[in-house]
């Protein structure tokens, strides 16, 4: 696990989340630690290196 920093798509604050590089492609939802809105996270790893990351708001 390692910490990754990014900008929340709702409140635009910099937040961090722990990512698990043992799974190469994943999509999951976590709440922003600042505004508590749900963020869909899509990290992609190759050989335990983060090669792409997307954080987007969830349509409600």
C-alpha atoms as a PDB file:
ATOM      1  CA  UNK A   1       0.000   0.000   0.000  1.00  0.00           C
ATOM      2  CA  UNK A   2       1.173   3.488  -0.683  1.00  0.00           C
ATOM      3  CA  UNK A   3      -0.283   6.951  -0.296  1.00  0.00           C
ATOM      4  CA  UNK A   4      -1.386   8.837  -3.421  1.00  0.00           C
ATOM      5  CA  UNK A   5      -2.339  12.539  -3.444  1.00  0.00           C
ATOM      6  CA  UNK A   6      -4.917  14.000  -5.855  1.00  0.00           C
ATOM      7  CA  UNK A   7      -7.533  16.751  -6.127  1.00  0.00           C
ATOM      8  CA  UNK A   8     -11.110  15.983  -5.082  1.00  0.00           C
ATOM      9  CA  UNK A   9     -13.518  16.430  -8.046  1.00  0.00           C
ATOM     10  CA  UNK A  10     -16.101  18.022  -5.720  1.00  0.00           C
ATOM     11  CA  UNK A  11     -14.332  20.389  -3.314  1.00  0.00           C
ATOM     12  CA  UNK A  12     -10.991  20.695  -5.218  1.00  0.00           C
ATOM     13  CA  UNK A  13      -9.002  20.106  -2.019  1.00  0.00           C
ATOM     14  CA  UNK A  14      -5.901  17.944  -2.162  1.00  0.00           C
ATOM     15  CA  UNK A  15      -6.654  14.599  -0.521  1.00  0.00           C
ATOM     16  CA  UNK A  16      -4.753  11.356  -0.171  1.00  0.00           C
ATOM     17  CA  UNK A  17      -5.790   7.739  -0.262  1.00  0.00           C
ATOM     18  CA  UNK A  18      -3.975   4.455   0.168  1.00  0.00           C
ATOM     19  CA  UNK A  19      -3.693   2.410  -3.017  1.00  0.00           C
ATOM     20  CA  UNK A  20      -2.984  -1.312  -3.252  1.00  0.00           C
ATOM     21  CA  UNK A  21      -0.525  -2.110  -6.079  1.00  0.00           C
ATOM     22  CA  UNK A  22      -1.093  -5.879  -5.775  1.00  0.00           C
ATOM     23  CA  UNK A  23      -4.153  -5.573  -8.080  1.00  0.00           C
ATOM     24  CA  UNK A  24      -3.185  -4.218 -11.505  1.00  0.00           C
ATOM     25  CA  UNK A  25      -6.548  -2.742 -12.539  1.00  0.00           C
ATOM     26  CA  UNK A  26      -9.222  -1.721 -10.089  1.00  0.00           C
ATOM     27  CA  UNK A  27     -12.210   0.593  -9.733  1.00  0.00           C
ATOM     28  CA  UNK A  28     -13.793   1.417  -6.418  1.00  0.00           C
ATOM     29  CA  UNK A  29     -15.544   4.215  -4.512  1.00  0.00           C
ATOM     30  CA  UNK A  30     -14.225   6.053  -1.457  1.00  0.00           C
ATOM     31  CA  UNK A  31     -15.491   9.176   0.254  1.00  0.00           C
ATOM     32  CA  UNK A  32     -13.458  12.374   0.184  1.00  0.00           C
ATOM     33  CA  UNK A  33     -11.829  12.940   3.573  1.00  0.00           C
ATOM     34  CA  UNK A  34     -12.680  16.674   3.357  1.00  0.00           C
ATOM     35  CA  UNK A  35     -16.216  16.960   1.906  1.00  0.00           C
ATOM     36  CA  UNK A  36     -17.380  13.309   2.311  1.00  0.00           C
ATOM     37  CA  UNK A  37     -18.681  13.012  -1.272  1.00  0.00           C
ATOM     38  CA  UNK A  38     -18.157   9.666  -3.052  1.00  0.00           C
ATOM     39  CA  UNK A  39     -15.265   9.537  -5.534  1.00  0.00           C
ATOM     40  CA  UNK A  40     -14.821   6.784  -8.106  1.00  0.00           C
ATOM     41  CA  UNK A  41     -11.131   5.838  -8.139  1.00  0.00           C
ATOM     42  CA  UNK A  42      -9.510   3.978 -11.011  1.00  0.00           C
ATOM     43  CA  UNK A  43      -5.818   3.245 -10.480  1.00  0.00           C
ATOM     44  CA  UNK A  44      -3.831   1.110 -12.932  1.00  0.00           C
ATOM     45  CA  UNK A  45      -0.555  -0.529 -11.938  1.00  0.00           C
ATOM     46  CA  UNK A  46       2.127  -2.274 -13.951  1.00  0.00           C
ATOM     47  CA  UNK A  47       4.778  -4.187 -12.010  1.00  0.00           C
ATOM     48  CA  UNK A  48       3.644  -2.425  -8.814  1.00  0.00           C
ATOM     49  CA  UNK A  49       4.155   1.014 -10.404  1.00  0.00           C
ATOM     50  CA  UNK A  50       1.204   3.401 -10.739  1.00  0.00           C
ATOM     51  CA  UNK A  51       0.885   4.140 -14.475  1.00  0.00           C
ATOM     52  CA  UNK A  52      -2.495   5.908 -14.488  1.00  0.00           C
ATOM     53  CA  UNK A  53      -4.976   7.234 -11.976  1.00  0.00           C
ATOM     54  CA  UNK A  54      -8.435   8.731 -12.376  1.00  0.00           C
ATOM     55  CA  UNK A  55     -10.665  10.243  -9.693  1.00  0.00           C
ATOM     56  CA  UNK A  56     -14.110  11.334 -10.772  1.00  0.00           C
ATOM     57  CA  UNK A  57     -17.379  12.409  -9.231  1.00  0.00           C
ATOM     58  CA  UNK A  58     -20.280   9.979  -9.226  1.00  0.00           C
ATOM     59  CA  UNK A  59     -23.455  11.060 -11.013  1.00  0.00           C
ATOM     60  CA  UNK A  60     -26.340  11.152  -8.559  1.00  0.00           C
END
